Amino acid sequence: MAETELDDITEDEVREALTEFDPLWDELFRAELARVAHLLVERVDVRMNGVEVRLRPNRRAGLLREVAGSRRAAA
């Protein structure tokens, strides 16, 4: 992920956003869950010995920005 994508977000904000994501996930409607999964997941490979999930790095930055931005607005 390019550093410039997260320049305006501090490491503490990223850590806090990720910590709060799990309870938020439980509150989302199915359509919202599908949208978030589609934004984050680039590819899923199912193999005999496990599953490999490839995430989209640029989308993670956008989602973190969105979560951090909503936290700033609420503060």
PDB file of N, CA and C in Angstrom:
ATOM      1  N   MET A   1       0.850  -1.159   0.000  1.00  0.00           N
ATOM      2  CA  MET A   1       0.000   0.000   0.000  1.00  0.00           C
ATOM      3  C   MET A   1       0.899   1.226   0.000  1.00  0.00           C
ATOM      4  N   ALA A   2       0.619   2.191  -0.817  1.00  0.00           N
ATOM      5  CA  ALA A   2       1.418   3.404  -0.886  1.00  0.00           C
ATOM      6  C   ALA A   2       1.218   4.206   0.389  1.00  0.00           C
ATOM      7  N   GLU A   3       2.313   4.781   0.898  1.00  0.00           N
ATOM      8  CA  GLU A   3       2.228   5.552   2.129  1.00  0.00           C
ATOM      9  C   GLU A   3       1.311   6.752   1.989  1.00  0.00           C
ATOM     10  N   THR A   4       1.303   7.374   0.808  1.00  0.00           N
ATOM     11  CA  THR A   4       0.506   8.581   0.617  1.00  0.00           C
ATOM     12  C   THR A   4      -0.981   8.329   0.798  1.00  0.00           C
ATOM     13  N   GLU A   5      -1.432   7.105   0.658  1.00  0.00           N
ATOM     14  CA  GLU A   5      -2.848   6.798   0.827  1.00  0.00           C
ATOM     15  C   GLU A   5      -3.298   6.955   2.273  1.00  0.00           C
ATOM     16  N   LEU A   6      -2.391   6.848   3.214  1.00  0.00           N
ATOM     17  CA  LEU A   6      -2.752   6.932   4.624  1.00  0.00           C
ATOM     18  C   LEU A   6      -2.061   8.084   5.341  1.00  0.00           C
ATOM     19  N   ASP A   7      -1.492   9.031   4.597  1.00  0.00           N
ATOM     20  CA  ASP A   7      -0.745  10.120   5.213  1.00  0.00           C
ATOM     21  C   ASP A   7      -1.554  10.918   6.226  1.00  0.00           C
ATOM     22  N   ASP A   8      -2.843  11.095   5.988  1.00  0.00           N
ATOM     23  CA  ASP A   8      -3.661  11.912   6.871  1.00  0.00           C
ATOM     24  C   ASP A   8      -4.264  11.134   8.035  1.00  0.00           C
ATOM     25  N   ILE A   9      -3.931   9.865   8.168  1.00  0.00           N
ATOM     26  CA  ILE A   9      -4.456   9.030   9.250  1.00  0.00           C
ATOM     27  C   ILE A   9      -3.284   8.547  10.093  1.00  0.00           C
ATOM     28  N   THR A  10      -3.411   8.710  11.414  1.00  0.00           N
ATOM     29  CA  THR A  10      -2.331   8.285  12.296  1.00  0.00           C
ATOM     30  C   THR A  10      -2.400   6.780  12.548  1.00  0.00           C
ATOM     31  N   GLU A  11      -1.304   6.234  13.011  1.00  0.00           N
ATOM     32  CA  GLU A  11      -1.254   4.801  13.328  1.00  0.00           C
ATOM     33  C   GLU A  11      -2.260   4.452  14.419  1.00  0.00           C
ATOM     34  N   ASP A  12      -2.402   5.332  15.404  1.00  0.00           N
ATOM     35  CA  ASP A  12      -3.375   5.089  16.475  1.00  0.00           C
ATOM     36  C   ASP A  12      -4.801   5.052  15.938  1.00  0.00           C
ATOM     37  N   GLU A  13      -5.121   5.930  14.964  1.00  0.00           N
ATOM     38  CA  GLU A  13      -6.454   5.932  14.367  1.00  0.00           C
ATOM     39  C   GLU A  13      -6.715   4.640  13.599  1.00  0.00           C
ATOM     40  N   VAL A  14      -5.703   4.146  12.906  1.00  0.00           N
ATOM     41  CA  VAL A  14      -5.842   2.884  12.174  1.00  0.00           C
ATOM     42  C   VAL A  14      -6.084   1.742  13.153  1.00  0.00           C
ATOM     43  N   ARG A  15      -5.290   1.689  14.202  1.00  0.00           N
ATOM     44  CA  ARG A  15      -5.433   0.630  15.208  1.00  0.00           C
ATOM     45  C   ARG A  15      -6.831   0.678  15.833  1.00  0.00           C
ATOM     46  N   GLU A  16      -7.290   1.869  16.183  1.00  0.00           N
ATOM     47  CA  GLU A  16      -8.603   2.004  16.808  1.00  0.00           C
ATOM     48  C   GLU A  16      -9.727   1.642  15.836  1.00  0.00           C
ATOM     49  N   ALA A  17      -9.590   2.050  14.575  1.00  0.00           N
ATOM     50  CA  ALA A  17     -10.613   1.731  13.568  1.00  0.00           C
ATOM     51  C   ALA A  17     -10.727   0.223  13.378  1.00  0.00           C
ATOM     52  N   LEU A  18      -9.588  -0.461  13.329  1.00  0.00           N
ATOM     53  CA  LEU A  18      -9.613  -1.913  13.159  1.00  0.00           C
ATOM     54  C   LEU A  18     -10.193  -2.609  14.386  1.00  0.00           C
ATOM     55  N   THR A  19      -9.902  -2.087  15.564  1.00  0.00           N
ATOM     56  CA  THR A  19     -10.440  -2.653  16.794  1.00  0.00           C
ATOM     57  C   THR A  19     -11.957  -2.528  16.834  1.00  0.00           C
ATOM     58  N   GLU A  20     -12.474  -1.416  16.330  1.00  0.00           N
ATOM     59  CA  GLU A  20     -13.913  -1.173  16.360  1.00  0.00           C
ATOM     60  C   GLU A  20     -14.646  -1.830  15.191  1.00  0.00           C
ATOM     61  N   PHE A  21     -13.926  -2.359  14.231  1.00  0.00           N
ATOM     62  CA  PHE A  21     -14.559  -2.932  13.049  1.00  0.00           C
ATOM     63  C   PHE A  21     -15.339  -4.201  13.369  1.00  0.00           C
ATOM     64  N   ASP A  22     -14.845  -5.022  14.275  1.00  0.00           N
ATOM     65  CA  ASP A  22     -15.505  -6.294  14.587  1.00  0.00           C
ATOM     66  C   ASP A  22     -16.924  -6.095  15.122  1.00  0.00           C
ATOM     67  N   PRO A  23     -17.135  -5.245  16.141  1.00  0.00           N
ATOM     68  CA  PRO A  23     -18.513  -5.034  16.600  1.00  0.00           C
ATOM     69  C   PRO A  23     -19.381  -4.370  15.528  1.00  0.00           C
ATOM     70  N   LEU A  24     -18.791  -3.506  14.728  1.00  0.00           N
ATOM     71  CA  LEU A  24     -19.524  -2.850  13.648  1.00  0.00           C
ATOM     72  C   LEU A  24     -20.017  -3.882  12.641  1.00  0.00           C
ATOM     73  N   TRP A  25     -19.187  -4.873  12.343  1.00  0.00           N
ATOM     74  CA  TRP A  25     -19.535  -5.927  11.381  1.00  0.00           C
ATOM     75  C   TRP A  25     -20.845  -6.611  11.783  1.00  0.00           C
ATOM     76  N   ASP A  26     -21.013  -6.838  13.082  1.00  0.00           N
ATOM     77  CA  ASP A  26     -22.223  -7.495  13.583  1.00  0.00           C
ATOM     78  C   ASP A  26     -23.478  -6.648  13.390  1.00  0.00           C
ATOM     79  N   GLU A  27     -23.318  -5.342  13.224  1.00  0.00           N
ATOM     80  CA  GLU A  27     -24.458  -4.434  13.093  1.00  0.00           C
ATOM     81  C   GLU A  27     -24.868  -4.171  11.643  1.00  0.00           C
ATOM     82  N   LEU A  28     -24.058  -4.589  10.684  1.00  0.00           N
ATOM     83  CA  LEU A  28     -24.337  -4.286   9.280  1.00  0.00           C
ATOM     84  C   LEU A  28     -25.417  -5.200   8.704  1.00  0.00           C
ATOM     85  N   PHE A  29     -26.189  -4.662   7.777  1.00  0.00           N
ATOM     86  CA  PHE A  29     -27.161  -5.457   7.036  1.00  0.00           C
ATOM     87  C   PHE A  29     -26.424  -6.299   6.000  1.00  0.00           C
ATOM     88  N   ARG A  30     -27.075  -7.326   5.485  1.00  0.00           N
ATOM     89  CA  ARG A  30     -26.433  -8.225   4.508  1.00  0.00           C
ATOM     90  C   ARG A  30     -25.884  -7.472   3.301  1.00  0.00           C
ATOM     91  N   ALA A  31     -26.643  -6.516   2.778  1.00  0.00           N
ATOM     92  CA  ALA A  31     -26.187  -5.751   1.612  1.00  0.00           C
ATOM     93  C   ALA A  31     -24.930  -4.960   1.947  1.00  0.00           C
ATOM     94  N   GLU A  32     -24.857  -4.414   3.173  1.00  0.00           N
ATOM     95  CA  GLU A  32     -23.678  -3.665   3.596  1.00  0.00           C
ATOM     96  C   GLU A  32     -22.486  -4.598   3.781  1.00  0.00           C
ATOM     97  N   LEU A  33     -22.727  -5.783   4.330  1.00  0.00           N
ATOM     98  CA  LEU A  33     -21.655  -6.772   4.486  1.00  0.00           C
ATOM     99  C   LEU A  33     -21.084  -7.159   3.130  1.00  0.00           C
ATOM    100  N   ALA A  34     -21.973  -7.375   2.174  1.00  0.00           N
ATOM    101  CA  ALA A  34     -21.536  -7.740   0.824  1.00  0.00           C
ATOM    102  C   ALA A  34     -20.726  -6.615   0.203  1.00  0.00           C
ATOM    103  N   ARG A  35     -21.160  -5.367   0.397  1.00  0.00           N
ATOM    104  CA  ARG A  35     -20.435  -4.220  -0.164  1.00  0.00           C
ATOM    105  C   ARG A  35     -19.031  -4.118   0.432  1.00  0.00           C
ATOM    106  N   VAL A  36     -18.927  -4.240   1.751  1.00  0.00           N
ATOM    107  CA  VAL A  36     -17.621  -4.161   2.412  1.00  0.00           C
ATOM    108  C   VAL A  36     -16.725  -5.303   1.948  1.00  0.00           C
ATOM    109  N   ALA A  37     -17.265  -6.514   1.885  1.00  0.00           N
ATOM    110  CA  ALA A  37     -16.479  -7.663   1.426  1.00  0.00           C
ATOM    111  C   ALA A  37     -16.008  -7.451  -0.006  1.00  0.00           C
ATOM    112  N   HIS A  38     -16.891  -6.948  -0.855  1.00  0.00           N
ATOM    113  CA  HIS A  38     -16.524  -6.695  -2.254  1.00  0.00           C
ATOM    114  C   HIS A  38     -15.440  -5.622  -2.353  1.00  0.00           C
ATOM    115  N   LEU A  39     -15.512  -4.606  -1.506  1.00  0.00           N
ATOM    116  CA  LEU A  39     -14.506  -3.545  -1.513  1.00  0.00           C
ATOM    117  C   LEU A  39     -13.144  -4.052  -1.059  1.00  0.00           C
ATOM    118  N   LEU A  40     -13.136  -4.964  -0.103  1.00  0.00           N
ATOM    119  CA  LEU A  40     -11.885  -5.412   0.504  1.00  0.00           C
ATOM    120  C   LEU A  40     -11.240  -6.615  -0.171  1.00  0.00           C
ATOM    121  N   VAL A  41     -12.037  -7.538  -0.684  1.00  0.00           N
ATOM    122  CA  VAL A  41     -11.505  -8.810  -1.176  1.00  0.00           C
ATOM    123  C   VAL A  41     -11.291  -8.759  -2.681  1.00  0.00           C
ATOM    124  N   GLU A  42     -10.055  -9.026  -3.079  1.00  0.00           N
ATOM    125  CA  GLU A  42      -9.715  -9.071  -4.505  1.00  0.00           C
ATOM    126  C   GLU A  42      -9.968 -10.455  -5.082  1.00  0.00           C
ATOM    127  N   ARG A  43      -9.580 -11.490  -4.304  1.00  0.00           N
ATOM    128  CA  ARG A  43      -9.678 -12.855  -4.824  1.00  0.00           C
ATOM    129  C   ARG A  43      -9.674 -13.853  -3.671  1.00  0.00           C
ATOM    130  N   VAL A  44     -10.410 -14.941  -3.840  1.00  0.00           N
ATOM    131  CA  VAL A  44     -10.419 -16.034  -2.869  1.00  0.00           C
ATOM    132  C   VAL A  44     -10.091 -17.318  -3.612  1.00  0.00           C
ATOM    133  N   ASP A  45      -9.050 -18.005  -3.169  1.00  0.00           N
ATOM    134  CA  ASP A  45      -8.660 -19.290  -3.754  1.00  0.00           C
ATOM    135  C   ASP A  45      -8.894 -20.387  -2.721  1.00  0.00           C
ATOM    136  N   VAL A  46      -9.719 -21.361  -3.073  1.00  0.00           N
ATOM    137  CA  VAL A  46      -9.987 -22.503  -2.199  1.00  0.00           C
ATOM    138  C   VAL A  46      -9.163 -23.671  -2.709  1.00  0.00           C
ATOM    139  N   ARG A  47      -8.357 -24.230  -1.808  1.00  0.00           N
ATOM    140  CA  ARG A  47      -7.479 -25.348  -2.166  1.00  0.00           C
ATOM    141  C   ARG A  47      -7.715 -26.506  -1.202  1.00  0.00           C
ATOM    142  N   MET A  48      -7.160 -27.626  -1.518  1.00  0.00           N
ATOM    143  CA  MET A  48      -7.311 -28.806  -0.665  1.00  0.00           C
ATOM    144  C   MET A  48      -6.763 -28.565   0.745  1.00  0.00           C
ATOM    145  N   ASN A  49      -5.703 -27.757   0.863  1.00  0.00           N
ATOM    146  CA  ASN A  49      -5.067 -27.548   2.161  1.00  0.00           C
ATOM    147  C   ASN A  49      -5.461 -26.233   2.831  1.00  0.00           C
ATOM    148  N   GLY A  50      -6.447 -25.518   2.300  1.00  0.00           N
ATOM    149  CA  GLY A  50      -6.882 -24.284   2.945  1.00  0.00           C
ATOM    150  C   GLY A  50      -7.448 -23.271   1.968  1.00  0.00           C
ATOM    151  N   VAL A  51      -7.632 -22.080   2.464  1.00  0.00           N
ATOM    152  CA  VAL A  51      -8.204 -20.986   1.690  1.00  0.00           C
ATOM    153  C   VAL A  51      -7.240 -19.810   1.729  1.00  0.00           C
ATOM    154  N   GLU A  52      -7.034 -19.183   0.587  1.00  0.00           N
ATOM    155  CA  GLU A  52      -6.208 -17.982   0.507  1.00  0.00           C
ATOM    156  C   GLU A  52      -7.105 -16.824   0.087  1.00  0.00           C
ATOM    157  N   VAL A  53      -7.098 -15.763   0.905  1.00  0.00           N
ATOM    158  CA  VAL A  53      -7.891 -14.576   0.603  1.00  0.00           C
ATOM    159  C   VAL A  53      -6.928 -13.437   0.304  1.00  0.00           C
ATOM    160  N   ARG A  54      -7.049 -12.868  -0.876  1.00  0.00           N
ATOM    161  CA  ARG A  54      -6.196 -11.749  -1.279  1.00  0.00           C
ATOM    162  C   ARG A  54      -7.013 -10.464  -1.161  1.00  0.00           C
ATOM    163  N   LEU A  55      -6.511  -9.525  -0.343  1.00  0.00           N
ATOM    164  CA  LEU A  55      -7.212  -8.264  -0.128  1.00  0.00           C
ATOM    165  C   LEU A  55      -6.714  -7.195  -1.093  1.00  0.00           C
ATOM    166  N   ARG A  56      -7.551  -6.215  -1.352  1.00  0.00           N
ATOM    167  CA  ARG A  56      -7.188  -5.080  -2.209  1.00  0.00           C
ATOM    168  C   ARG A  56      -6.585  -3.997  -1.316  1.00  0.00           C
ATOM    169  N   PRO A  57      -5.283  -3.762  -1.406  1.00  0.00           N
ATOM    170  CA  PRO A  57      -4.628  -2.810  -0.496  1.00  0.00           C
ATOM    171  C   PRO A  57      -5.182  -1.396  -0.615  1.00  0.00           C
ATOM    172  N   ASN A  58      -5.474  -0.942  -1.816  1.00  0.00           N
ATOM    173  CA  ASN A  58      -5.975   0.422  -1.974  1.00  0.00           C
ATOM    174  C   ASN A  58      -7.366   0.580  -1.378  1.00  0.00           C
ATOM    175  N   ARG A  59      -8.159  -0.452  -1.359  1.00  0.00           N
ATOM    176  CA  ARG A  59      -9.501  -0.386  -0.785  1.00  0.00           C
ATOM    177  C   ARG A  59      -9.437  -0.389   0.744  1.00  0.00           C
ATOM    178  N   ARG A  60      -8.455  -1.084   1.300  1.00  0.00           N
ATOM    179  CA  ARG A  60      -8.319  -1.072   2.763  1.00  0.00           C
ATOM    180  C   ARG A  60      -8.063   0.340   3.237  1.00  0.00           C
ATOM    181  N   ALA A  61      -7.196   1.056   2.517  1.00  0.00           N
ATOM    182  CA  ALA A  61      -6.887   2.436   2.888  1.00  0.00           C
ATOM    183  C   ALA A  61      -8.141   3.294   2.834  1.00  0.00           C
ATOM    184  N   GLY A  62      -8.943   3.120   1.789  1.00  0.00           N
ATOM    185  CA  GLY A  62     -10.170   3.897   1.660  1.00  0.00           C
ATOM    186  C   GLY A  62     -11.158   3.609   2.776  1.00  0.00           C
ATOM    187  N   LEU A  63     -11.296   2.348   3.118  1.00  0.00           N
ATOM    188  CA  LEU A  63     -12.218   1.970   4.184  1.00  0.00           C
ATOM    189  C   LEU A  63     -11.732   2.509   5.524  1.00  0.00           C
ATOM    190  N   LEU A  64     -10.428   2.417   5.775  1.00  0.00           N
ATOM    191  CA  LEU A  64      -9.880   2.956   7.016  1.00  0.00           C
ATOM    192  C   LEU A  64     -10.086   4.460   7.082  1.00  0.00           C
ATOM    193  N   ARG A  65      -9.896   5.140   5.943  1.00  0.00           N
ATOM    194  CA  ARG A  65     -10.126   6.578   5.878  1.00  0.00           C
ATOM    195  C   ARG A  65     -11.582   6.902   6.220  1.00  0.00           C
ATOM    196  N   GLU A  66     -12.492   6.105   5.674  1.00  0.00           N
ATOM    197  CA  GLU A  66     -13.921   6.311   5.909  1.00  0.00           C
ATOM    198  C   GLU A  66     -14.266   6.112   7.386  1.00  0.00           C
ATOM    199  N   VAL A  67     -13.743   5.052   7.991  1.00  0.00           N
ATOM    200  CA  VAL A  67     -14.010   4.779   9.404  1.00  0.00           C
ATOM    201  C   VAL A  67     -13.388   5.854  10.279  1.00  0.00           C
ATOM    202  N   ALA A  68     -12.136   6.229   9.998  1.00  0.00           N
ATOM    203  CA  ALA A  68     -11.464   7.261  10.788  1.00  0.00           C
ATOM    204  C   ALA A  68     -12.172   8.601  10.621  1.00  0.00           C
ATOM    205  N   GLY A  69     -12.630   8.903   9.424  1.00  0.00           N
ATOM    206  CA  GLY A  69     -13.345  10.155   9.172  1.00  0.00           C
ATOM    207  C   GLY A  69     -14.644  10.226   9.940  1.00  0.00           C
ATOM    208  N   SER A  70     -15.369   9.127  10.011  1.00  0.00           N
ATOM    209  CA  SER A  70     -16.627   9.120  10.756  1.00  0.00           C
ATOM    210  C   SER A  70     -16.360   9.256  12.253  1.00  0.00           C
ATOM    211  N   ARG A  71     -15.235   8.725  12.715  1.00  0.00           N
ATOM    212  CA  ARG A  71     -14.863   8.881  14.123  1.00  0.00           C
ATOM    213  C   ARG A  71     -14.539  10.333  14.423  1.00  0.00           C
ATOM    214  N   ARG A  72     -13.819  11.003  13.509  1.00  0.00           N
ATOM    215  CA  ARG A  72     -13.489  12.420  13.712  1.00  0.00           C
ATOM    216  C   ARG A  72     -14.755  13.263  13.744  1.00  0.00           C
ATOM    217  N   ALA A  73     -15.697  12.975  12.868  1.00  0.00           N
ATOM    218  CA  ALA A  73     -16.944  13.741  12.806  1.00  0.00           C
ATOM    219  C   ALA A  73     -17.760  13.554  14.084  1.00  0.00           C
ATOM    220  N   ALA A  74     -17.692  12.361  14.660  1.00  0.00           N
ATOM    221  CA  ALA A  74     -18.453  12.078  15.877  1.00  0.00           C
ATOM    222  C   ALA A  74     -17.821  12.715  17.111  1.00  0.00           C
ATOM    223  N   ALA A  75     -16.525  13.000  17.037  1.00  0.00           N
ATOM    224  CA  ALA A  75     -15.801  13.553  18.199  1.00  0.00           C
ATOM    225  C   ALA A  75     -16.080  15.022  18.420  1.00  0.00           C
TER     226      ALA A  75
END
